[in-house]
C-alpha cells in the first residue's frame, strides 16, 4: 500500500512538472489584433479597396447580410469595391471585445459599424449602424489576417414590395 501511495505521489508530481503552468494569453497578441482591426477600419474609411482586402487571409470568407457566402478573394474585392463606391460617404467600425486563444493562433473581435450612403437617385443620406464579428488567424510571419468576416445591420429590414396584380 505504501509503495502504491509513493508511486502515485511521484507520478502526480511528474505530471504537474511536465504540464507546467497554465498557458496565458499574450496581451501583446490582443493589442496587435486590435491594432490590425483599427488599421483595417482606417483603410476602409479612406475607401482604399486594395488595402482593405489585404487584411483577409488566403481562403477567407465573407458572410454579408442577405447574400450567399463569399468564398474567393476576387469576389471579396468586388464586394468591397461596391461598398466603398462613390455613393458611400463614410464607413468605419470599432471593436467592443477582442480575445485571443491561449494558443495565440486564433482570435476574434466583435463590435459595431457605422456607414453613410448617398442615395444615387438624389434621395436622403442613408445612415446605417450594425454589428460585426471577425475571426482572425495569426499568419506564419506574425501578422493577423481575417479568415471570417460577418456583419449585419441594426436597422429594420425594408418592407417587401407589393406584388403586382
N, C-alpha and C. Protein backbone atom coordinates (compact mmCIF):
# COMPACT_ATOMS: atom_id res chain seq x y z
N UNK A 1 0.82 -1.19 0.00
CA UNK A 1 0.00 0.00 0.00
C UNK A 1 0.86 1.25 0.00
N UNK A 2 1.93 1.19 0.81
CA UNK A 2 2.80 2.34 0.90
C UNK A 2 3.48 2.62 -0.44
N UNK A 3 3.90 1.59 -1.14
CA UNK A 3 4.57 1.79 -2.44
C UNK A 3 3.60 2.33 -3.49
N UNK A 4 2.33 1.94 -3.44
CA UNK A 4 1.33 2.47 -4.36
C UNK A 4 1.13 3.96 -4.10
N UNK A 5 1.05 4.34 -2.84
CA UNK A 5 0.89 5.75 -2.49
C UNK A 5 2.10 6.56 -2.93
N UNK A 6 3.31 6.02 -2.70
CA UNK A 6 4.52 6.71 -3.10
C UNK A 6 4.58 6.83 -4.62
N UNK A 7 4.24 5.77 -5.34
CA UNK A 7 4.21 5.82 -6.81
C UNK A 7 3.22 6.88 -7.30
N UNK A 8 2.03 6.93 -6.69
CA UNK A 8 1.01 7.92 -7.08
C UNK A 8 1.52 9.33 -6.85
N UNK A 9 2.19 9.56 -5.75
CA UNK A 9 2.72 10.88 -5.43
C UNK A 9 3.79 11.28 -6.45
N UNK A 10 4.68 10.38 -6.75
CA UNK A 10 5.75 10.66 -7.72
C UNK A 10 5.15 10.90 -9.11
N UNK A 11 4.21 10.06 -9.53
CA UNK A 11 3.58 10.21 -10.86
C UNK A 11 2.84 11.54 -10.95
N UNK A 12 2.14 11.92 -9.90
CA UNK A 12 1.41 13.19 -9.89
C UNK A 12 2.37 14.37 -9.99
N UNK A 13 3.47 14.30 -9.26
CA UNK A 13 4.47 15.37 -9.29
C UNK A 13 5.08 15.49 -10.68
N UNK A 14 5.40 14.38 -11.30
CA UNK A 14 5.97 14.40 -12.65
C UNK A 14 4.98 15.02 -13.64
N UNK A 15 3.71 14.65 -13.54
CA UNK A 15 2.70 15.21 -14.44
C UNK A 15 2.56 16.72 -14.25
N UNK A 16 2.57 17.16 -13.02
CA UNK A 16 2.44 18.60 -12.75
C UNK A 16 3.63 19.35 -13.32
N UNK A 17 4.83 18.83 -13.12
CA UNK A 17 6.03 19.48 -13.65
C UNK A 17 6.04 19.45 -15.17
N UNK A 18 5.66 18.32 -15.76
CA UNK A 18 5.67 18.18 -17.23
C UNK A 18 4.67 19.11 -17.89
N UNK A 19 3.53 19.27 -17.27
CA UNK A 19 2.50 20.12 -17.86
C UNK A 19 2.84 21.60 -17.71
N UNK A 20 3.59 21.96 -16.68
CA UNK A 20 3.96 23.35 -16.48
C UNK A 20 2.77 24.19 -16.07
N UNK A 21 3.03 25.48 -15.92
CA UNK A 21 1.93 26.36 -15.53
C UNK A 21 0.93 26.50 -16.66
N UNK A 22 -0.32 26.85 -16.35
CA UNK A 22 -1.31 27.01 -17.40
C UNK A 22 -0.86 28.13 -18.35
N UNK A 23 -1.10 27.93 -19.64
CA UNK A 23 -0.68 28.95 -20.61
C UNK A 23 -1.55 30.19 -20.45
N UNK A 24 -0.94 31.32 -20.65
CA UNK A 24 -1.60 32.60 -20.51
C UNK A 24 -1.76 33.23 -21.89
N UNK A 25 -2.80 34.01 -22.07
CA UNK A 25 -2.98 34.75 -23.32
C UNK A 25 -1.97 35.88 -23.31
N UNK A 26 -1.27 36.04 -24.40
CA UNK A 26 -0.30 37.12 -24.56
C UNK A 26 -1.04 38.42 -24.84
N UNK A 27 -0.99 39.36 -23.90
CA UNK A 27 -1.67 40.64 -24.11
C UNK A 27 -1.12 41.38 -25.32
N UNK A 28 0.11 41.08 -25.70
CA UNK A 28 0.67 41.67 -26.92
C UNK A 28 -0.11 41.20 -28.14
N UNK A 29 -0.58 39.97 -28.13
CA UNK A 29 -1.39 39.46 -29.24
C UNK A 29 -2.73 40.18 -29.30
N UNK A 30 -3.34 40.42 -28.16
CA UNK A 30 -4.62 41.14 -28.13
C UNK A 30 -4.41 42.55 -28.67
N UNK A 31 -3.35 43.23 -28.22
CA UNK A 31 -3.07 44.59 -28.70
C UNK A 31 -2.78 44.60 -30.20
N UNK A 32 -2.03 43.61 -30.68
CA UNK A 32 -1.71 43.54 -32.11
C UNK A 32 -2.97 43.30 -32.94
N UNK A 33 -3.85 42.46 -32.43
CA UNK A 33 -5.10 42.18 -33.14
C UNK A 33 -5.98 43.43 -33.17
N UNK A 34 -6.08 44.13 -32.05
CA UNK A 34 -6.85 45.37 -32.02
C UNK A 34 -6.26 46.41 -32.97
N UNK A 35 -4.94 46.50 -33.01
CA UNK A 35 -4.28 47.46 -33.91
C UNK A 35 -4.57 47.11 -35.37
N UNK A 36 -4.49 45.82 -35.71
CA UNK A 36 -4.78 45.40 -37.09
C UNK A 36 -6.21 45.75 -37.47
N UNK A 37 -7.14 45.52 -36.56
CA UNK A 37 -8.53 45.84 -36.86
C UNK A 37 -8.73 47.35 -37.03
N UNK A 38 -8.07 48.14 -36.21
CA UNK A 38 -8.14 49.59 -36.36
C UNK A 38 -7.56 50.07 -37.69
N UNK A 39 -6.46 49.44 -38.11
CA UNK A 39 -5.86 49.79 -39.41
C UNK A 39 -6.78 49.38 -40.55
N UNK A 40 -7.46 48.26 -40.38
CA UNK A 40 -8.40 47.79 -41.40
C UNK A 40 -9.54 48.78 -41.56
N UNK A 41 -10.12 49.21 -40.44
CA UNK A 41 -11.19 50.19 -40.49
C UNK A 41 -10.72 51.50 -41.13
N UNK A 42 -9.50 51.92 -40.80
CA UNK A 42 -8.95 53.15 -41.38
C UNK A 42 -8.78 53.02 -42.90
N UNK A 43 -8.34 51.85 -43.36
CA UNK A 43 -8.20 51.63 -44.81
C UNK A 43 -9.56 51.73 -45.50
N UNK A 44 -10.57 51.13 -44.90
CA UNK A 44 -11.92 51.21 -45.48
C UNK A 44 -12.42 52.65 -45.44
N UNK A 45 -12.15 53.35 -44.36
CA UNK A 45 -12.58 54.74 -44.23
C UNK A 45 -11.96 55.62 -45.32
N UNK A 46 -10.74 55.30 -45.72
CA UNK A 46 -10.07 56.02 -46.83
C UNK A 46 -10.59 55.58 -48.19
N UNK A 47 -11.45 54.54 -48.18
CA UNK A 47 -12.00 53.95 -49.40
C UNK A 47 -10.91 53.32 -50.28
N UNK A 48 -9.90 52.75 -49.61
CA UNK A 48 -8.78 52.09 -50.28
C UNK A 48 -9.11 50.59 -50.37
N UNK A 49 -9.65 50.20 -51.51
CA UNK A 49 -10.11 48.82 -51.69
C UNK A 49 -8.96 47.83 -51.54
N UNK A 50 -7.82 48.09 -52.19
CA UNK A 50 -6.70 47.15 -52.13
C UNK A 50 -6.20 46.96 -50.69
N UNK A 51 -6.04 48.06 -49.96
CA UNK A 51 -5.57 47.97 -48.58
C UNK A 51 -6.61 47.25 -47.70
N UNK A 52 -7.88 47.48 -47.97
CA UNK A 52 -8.95 46.84 -47.19
C UNK A 52 -8.93 45.33 -47.42
N UNK A 53 -8.83 44.91 -48.65
CA UNK A 53 -8.83 43.48 -48.98
C UNK A 53 -7.57 42.79 -48.48
N UNK A 54 -6.48 43.53 -48.33
CA UNK A 54 -5.22 42.95 -47.87
C UNK A 54 -5.30 42.41 -46.44
N UNK A 55 -6.33 42.77 -45.69
CA UNK A 55 -6.47 42.27 -44.33
C UNK A 55 -7.09 40.87 -44.27
N UNK A 56 -7.48 40.33 -45.41
CA UNK A 56 -8.02 38.97 -45.46
C UNK A 56 -6.92 37.96 -45.72
N UNK A 57 -6.98 36.82 -45.03
CA UNK A 57 -6.06 35.71 -45.27
C UNK A 57 -6.49 34.97 -46.54
N UNK A 58 -5.56 34.22 -47.09
CA UNK A 58 -5.93 33.34 -48.19
C UNK A 58 -6.99 32.37 -47.68
N UNK A 59 -8.01 32.14 -48.49
CA UNK A 59 -9.09 31.22 -48.10
C UNK A 59 -10.12 31.84 -47.18
N UNK A 60 -10.05 33.14 -46.95
CA UNK A 60 -11.02 33.80 -46.07
C UNK A 60 -12.41 33.78 -46.69
N UNK A 61 -13.40 33.93 -45.83
CA UNK A 61 -14.79 34.03 -46.29
C UNK A 61 -15.43 35.28 -45.71
N UNK A 62 -16.38 35.81 -46.47
CA UNK A 62 -17.15 36.96 -46.05
C UNK A 62 -18.61 36.51 -45.98
N UNK A 63 -19.29 36.89 -44.90
CA UNK A 63 -20.68 36.49 -44.69
C UNK A 63 -21.55 37.74 -44.70
N UNK A 64 -21.85 38.27 -45.89
CA UNK A 64 -22.65 39.50 -45.94
C UNK A 64 -24.12 39.21 -45.62
N UNK A 65 -24.82 40.23 -45.15
CA UNK A 65 -26.24 40.01 -44.85
C UNK A 65 -27.05 39.82 -46.13
N UNK A 66 -28.04 38.96 -46.05
CA UNK A 66 -28.99 38.76 -47.15
C UNK A 66 -28.31 38.38 -48.47
N UNK A 67 -27.23 37.63 -48.38
CA UNK A 67 -26.49 37.23 -49.58
C UNK A 67 -25.74 35.93 -49.28
N UNK A 68 -25.35 35.21 -50.33
CA UNK A 68 -24.58 33.98 -50.11
C UNK A 68 -23.18 34.27 -49.55
N UNK A 69 -22.55 33.23 -49.03
CA UNK A 69 -21.18 33.33 -48.54
C UNK A 69 -20.27 33.68 -49.72
N UNK A 70 -19.33 34.58 -49.48
CA UNK A 70 -18.33 34.94 -50.48
C UNK A 70 -17.06 34.19 -50.13
N UNK A 71 -16.61 33.33 -51.05
CA UNK A 71 -15.53 32.40 -50.71
C UNK A 71 -14.24 32.59 -51.48
N UNK A 72 -14.13 33.59 -52.33
CA UNK A 72 -12.87 33.78 -53.04
C UNK A 72 -12.44 35.24 -52.98
N UNK A 73 -11.14 35.45 -53.08
CA UNK A 73 -10.55 36.78 -52.91
C UNK A 73 -11.09 37.79 -53.92
N UNK A 74 -11.27 37.38 -55.17
CA UNK A 74 -11.77 38.31 -56.17
C UNK A 74 -13.19 38.77 -55.84
N UNK A 75 -14.03 37.87 -55.38
CA UNK A 75 -15.39 38.24 -55.01
C UNK A 75 -15.41 39.13 -53.76
N UNK A 76 -14.50 38.86 -52.82
CA UNK A 76 -14.38 39.74 -51.65
C UNK A 76 -13.98 41.13 -52.11
N UNK A 77 -13.04 41.21 -53.04
CA UNK A 77 -12.62 42.51 -53.57
C UNK A 77 -13.80 43.23 -54.25
N UNK A 78 -14.57 42.51 -55.04
CA UNK A 78 -15.73 43.12 -55.71
C UNK A 78 -16.75 43.63 -54.69
N UNK A 79 -16.96 42.86 -53.62
CA UNK A 79 -17.90 43.29 -52.58
C UNK A 79 -17.43 44.58 -51.93
N UNK A 80 -16.15 44.66 -51.62
CA UNK A 80 -15.61 45.88 -51.01
C UNK A 80 -15.62 47.05 -52.00
N UNK A 81 -15.33 46.80 -53.26
CA UNK A 81 -15.38 47.87 -54.25
C UNK A 81 -16.78 48.47 -54.31
N UNK A 82 -17.79 47.62 -54.22
CA UNK A 82 -19.17 48.11 -54.23
C UNK A 82 -19.48 48.87 -52.94
N UNK A 83 -19.05 48.34 -51.79
CA UNK A 83 -19.33 49.00 -50.51
C UNK A 83 -18.62 50.35 -50.39
N UNK A 84 -17.45 50.46 -51.01
CA UNK A 84 -16.67 51.69 -50.91
C UNK A 84 -16.83 52.57 -52.14
N UNK A 85 -17.88 52.33 -52.90
CA UNK A 85 -18.12 53.07 -54.14
C UNK A 85 -18.39 54.55 -53.92
N UNK A 86 -18.65 55.25 -54.99
CA UNK A 86 -18.79 56.71 -54.93
C UNK A 86 -19.95 57.20 -54.06
N UNK A 87 -20.95 56.38 -53.83
CA UNK A 87 -22.09 56.82 -53.02
C UNK A 87 -21.85 56.69 -51.52
N UNK A 88 -20.83 55.93 -51.14
CA UNK A 88 -20.51 55.79 -49.71
C UNK A 88 -19.78 57.04 -49.26
N UNK A 89 -20.34 57.71 -48.26
CA UNK A 89 -19.70 58.92 -47.76
C UNK A 89 -18.85 58.65 -46.53
N UNK A 90 -19.15 57.59 -45.79
CA UNK A 90 -18.31 57.23 -44.65
C UNK A 90 -18.56 55.76 -44.27
N UNK A 91 -17.53 55.15 -43.72
CA UNK A 91 -17.64 53.78 -43.21
C UNK A 91 -16.56 53.60 -42.16
N UNK A 92 -16.91 52.98 -41.05
CA UNK A 92 -15.94 52.68 -40.01
C UNK A 92 -16.52 51.63 -39.07
N UNK A 93 -15.66 51.01 -38.31
CA UNK A 93 -16.11 50.08 -37.27
C UNK A 93 -15.17 50.15 -36.09
N UNK A 94 -15.66 49.66 -34.96
CA UNK A 94 -14.90 49.70 -33.73
C UNK A 94 -15.13 48.42 -32.94
N UNK A 95 -14.06 47.87 -32.40
CA UNK A 95 -14.15 46.65 -31.61
C UNK A 95 -14.80 46.94 -30.26
N UNK A 96 -15.69 46.04 -29.85
CA UNK A 96 -16.25 46.07 -28.50
C UNK A 96 -15.51 45.07 -27.61
N UNK A 97 -15.11 43.94 -28.21
CA UNK A 97 -14.37 42.91 -27.47
C UNK A 97 -13.39 42.23 -28.41
N UNK A 98 -12.21 42.00 -27.90
CA UNK A 98 -11.16 41.29 -28.63
C UNK A 98 -10.63 40.19 -27.73
N UNK A 99 -10.53 39.00 -28.26
CA UNK A 99 -9.99 37.90 -27.47
C UNK A 99 -9.11 37.04 -28.36
N UNK A 100 -8.02 36.54 -27.78
CA UNK A 100 -7.09 35.66 -28.48
C UNK A 100 -7.04 34.34 -27.72
N UNK A 101 -7.05 33.24 -28.47
CA UNK A 101 -6.97 31.91 -27.87
C UNK A 101 -5.65 31.75 -27.13
N UNK A 102 -5.61 30.91 -26.12
CA UNK A 102 -4.38 30.66 -25.37
C UNK A 102 -3.25 30.20 -26.27
N UNK A 103 -3.58 29.52 -27.37
CA UNK A 103 -2.55 29.05 -28.30
C UNK A 103 -1.89 30.20 -29.04
N UNK A 104 -2.58 31.36 -29.09
CA UNK A 104 -2.04 32.53 -29.79
C UNK A 104 -2.22 32.49 -31.30
N UNK A 105 -2.92 31.49 -31.80
CA UNK A 105 -3.08 31.34 -33.25
C UNK A 105 -4.36 31.93 -33.80
N UNK A 106 -5.41 31.97 -32.99
CA UNK A 106 -6.71 32.47 -33.43
C UNK A 106 -7.21 33.53 -32.46
N UNK A 107 -7.97 34.45 -33.02
CA UNK A 107 -8.60 35.47 -32.20
C UNK A 107 -9.91 35.88 -32.82
N UNK A 108 -10.72 36.57 -32.03
CA UNK A 108 -11.96 37.08 -32.60
C UNK A 108 -12.20 38.49 -32.08
N UNK A 109 -12.99 39.21 -32.84
CA UNK A 109 -13.40 40.56 -32.47
C UNK A 109 -14.88 40.66 -32.78
N UNK A 110 -15.63 41.27 -31.87
CA UNK A 110 -16.96 41.69 -32.25
C UNK A 110 -17.09 43.16 -31.88
N UNK A 111 -17.93 43.83 -32.64
CA UNK A 111 -18.08 45.26 -32.41
C UNK A 111 -19.22 45.84 -33.22
N UNK A 112 -19.09 47.13 -33.49
CA UNK A 112 -20.14 47.85 -34.19
C UNK A 112 -19.57 48.58 -35.39
N UNK A 113 -20.44 48.85 -36.36
CA UNK A 113 -20.02 49.64 -37.51
C UNK A 113 -21.03 50.76 -37.74
N UNK A 114 -20.56 51.76 -38.51
CA UNK A 114 -21.41 52.84 -38.96
C UNK A 114 -21.03 53.14 -40.40
N UNK A 115 -22.02 53.41 -41.22
CA UNK A 115 -21.72 53.90 -42.56
C UNK A 115 -22.83 54.83 -43.02
N UNK A 116 -22.49 55.61 -44.01
CA UNK A 116 -23.44 56.54 -44.61
C UNK A 116 -23.32 56.41 -46.12
N UNK A 117 -24.48 56.32 -46.78
CA UNK A 117 -24.51 56.15 -48.23
C UNK A 117 -25.50 57.15 -48.81
N UNK A 118 -25.05 57.85 -49.84
CA UNK A 118 -25.92 58.80 -50.53
C UNK A 118 -26.79 58.05 -51.52
N UNK A 119 -28.08 58.27 -51.50
CA UNK A 119 -29.00 57.65 -52.45
C UNK A 119 -28.62 58.12 -53.85
N UNK A 120 -28.31 57.18 -54.77
CA UNK A 120 -27.91 57.58 -56.13
C UNK A 120 -29.01 58.31 -56.89
N UNK A 121 -30.26 58.18 -56.44
CA UNK A 121 -31.37 58.85 -57.13
C UNK A 121 -31.65 60.23 -56.53
N UNK A 122 -30.74 60.69 -55.65
CA UNK A 122 -30.90 62.02 -55.08
C UNK A 122 -31.68 62.06 -53.79
N UNK A 123 -32.04 60.92 -53.27
CA UNK A 123 -32.77 60.87 -52.00
C UNK A 123 -31.86 61.23 -50.84
N UNK A 124 -32.37 61.11 -49.64
CA UNK A 124 -31.59 61.49 -48.46
C UNK A 124 -30.43 60.52 -48.20
N UNK A 125 -29.47 61.01 -47.45
CA UNK A 125 -28.35 60.21 -47.00
C UNK A 125 -28.88 59.10 -46.10
N UNK A 126 -28.45 57.87 -46.33
CA UNK A 126 -28.88 56.73 -45.52
C UNK A 126 -27.76 56.39 -44.55
N UNK A 127 -28.05 56.50 -43.26
CA UNK A 127 -27.08 56.16 -42.22
C UNK A 127 -27.44 54.78 -41.67
N UNK A 128 -26.44 53.94 -41.56
CA UNK A 128 -26.65 52.58 -41.06
C UNK A 128 -25.73 52.33 -39.88
N UNK A 129 -26.20 51.58 -38.92
CA UNK A 129 -25.38 51.08 -37.82
C UNK A 129 -25.63 49.59 -37.74
N UNK A 130 -24.65 48.87 -37.28
CA UNK A 130 -24.81 47.43 -37.17
C UNK A 130 -23.70 46.82 -36.35
N UNK A 131 -23.61 45.50 -36.44
CA UNK A 131 -22.61 44.78 -35.67
C UNK A 131 -21.77 43.90 -36.58
N UNK A 132 -20.57 43.59 -36.08
CA UNK A 132 -19.61 42.79 -36.83
C UNK A 132 -19.08 41.66 -35.95
N UNK A 133 -18.70 40.58 -36.59
CA UNK A 133 -17.94 39.51 -35.95
C UNK A 133 -16.83 39.14 -36.93
N UNK A 134 -15.61 39.13 -36.43
CA UNK A 134 -14.45 38.79 -37.25
C UNK A 134 -13.66 37.70 -36.54
N UNK A 135 -13.24 36.70 -37.29
CA UNK A 135 -12.33 35.69 -36.76
C UNK A 135 -11.01 35.88 -37.48
N UNK A 136 -9.95 35.97 -36.71
CA UNK A 136 -8.62 36.25 -37.24
C UNK A 136 -7.68 35.08 -36.96
N UNK A 137 -6.68 34.93 -37.83
CA UNK A 137 -5.66 33.89 -37.66
C UNK A 137 -4.29 34.54 -37.80
N UNK A 138 -3.41 34.21 -36.87
CA UNK A 138 -2.04 34.72 -36.96
C UNK A 138 -1.32 33.95 -38.07
N UNK A 139 -0.71 34.68 -38.97
CA UNK A 139 -0.01 34.09 -40.11
C UNK A 139 1.41 33.70 -39.71
N UNK A 140 2.09 32.94 -40.57
CA UNK A 140 3.45 32.47 -40.26
C UNK A 140 4.42 33.63 -40.07
N UNK A 141 4.12 34.80 -40.66
CA UNK A 141 5.00 35.97 -40.48
C UNK A 141 4.64 36.79 -39.25
N UNK A 142 3.66 36.32 -38.46
CA UNK A 142 3.26 37.01 -37.24
C UNK A 142 2.13 38.02 -37.41
N UNK A 143 1.74 38.30 -38.66
CA UNK A 143 0.65 39.25 -38.90
C UNK A 143 -0.69 38.56 -38.68
N UNK A 144 -1.67 39.34 -38.22
CA UNK A 144 -3.02 38.85 -38.08
C UNK A 144 -3.79 39.13 -39.36
N UNK A 145 -4.54 38.13 -39.85
CA UNK A 145 -5.38 38.27 -41.04
C UNK A 145 -6.76 37.72 -40.72
N UNK A 146 -7.77 38.35 -41.28
CA UNK A 146 -9.15 37.92 -41.05
C UNK A 146 -9.45 36.68 -41.89
N UNK A 147 -10.07 35.68 -41.26
CA UNK A 147 -10.45 34.47 -42.00
C UNK A 147 -11.97 34.35 -42.15
N UNK A 148 -12.72 34.99 -41.26
CA UNK A 148 -14.18 35.01 -41.36
C UNK A 148 -14.64 36.42 -40.99
N UNK A 149 -15.43 37.02 -41.88
CA UNK A 149 -15.92 38.39 -41.68
C UNK A 149 -17.43 38.39 -41.86
N UNK A 150 -18.15 38.78 -40.81
CA UNK A 150 -19.61 38.82 -40.87
C UNK A 150 -20.11 40.12 -40.28
N UNK A 151 -21.17 40.64 -40.86
CA UNK A 151 -21.74 41.90 -40.38
C UNK A 151 -23.21 41.94 -40.75
N UNK A 152 -23.99 42.69 -39.98
CA UNK A 152 -25.40 42.91 -40.32
C UNK A 152 -25.92 44.15 -39.63
N UNK A 153 -26.93 44.71 -40.22
CA UNK A 153 -27.48 46.00 -39.82
C UNK A 153 -28.36 45.89 -38.58
N UNK A 154 -28.40 46.98 -37.83
CA UNK A 154 -29.35 47.11 -36.73
C UNK A 154 -30.69 47.65 -37.23
N UNK A 155 -30.71 48.19 -38.45
CA UNK A 155 -31.94 48.76 -38.99
C UNK A 155 -32.94 47.65 -39.32
N UNK A 156 -34.20 47.97 -39.21
CA UNK A 156 -35.25 47.02 -39.58
C UNK A 156 -35.17 46.78 -41.09
N UNK A 157 -35.48 45.57 -41.53
CA UNK A 157 -35.45 45.32 -42.97
C UNK A 157 -36.49 46.17 -43.70
N UNK A 158 -36.18 46.50 -44.93
CA UNK A 158 -37.14 47.24 -45.75
C UNK A 158 -38.34 46.36 -46.01
N UNK A 159 -39.53 46.94 -46.07
CA UNK A 159 -40.71 46.12 -46.37
C UNK A 159 -40.62 45.54 -47.78
N UNK A 160 -41.16 44.37 -47.92
CA UNK A 160 -41.17 43.72 -49.24
C UNK A 160 -42.05 44.54 -50.19
N UNK A 161 -41.67 44.61 -51.46
CA UNK A 161 -42.50 45.34 -52.39
C UNK A 161 -43.87 44.67 -52.56
N UNK A 162 -44.86 45.48 -52.81
CA UNK A 162 -46.21 44.96 -53.03
C UNK A 162 -46.22 44.15 -54.32
N UNK A 163 -46.87 42.99 -54.30
CA UNK A 163 -46.93 42.19 -55.53
C UNK A 163 -47.82 42.88 -56.57
N UNK A 164 -47.39 42.74 -57.81
CA UNK A 164 -48.20 43.33 -58.90
C UNK A 164 -49.34 42.39 -59.22
N UNK A 165 -50.50 42.98 -59.50
CA UNK A 165 -51.63 42.13 -59.83
C UNK A 165 -51.84 42.08 -61.31
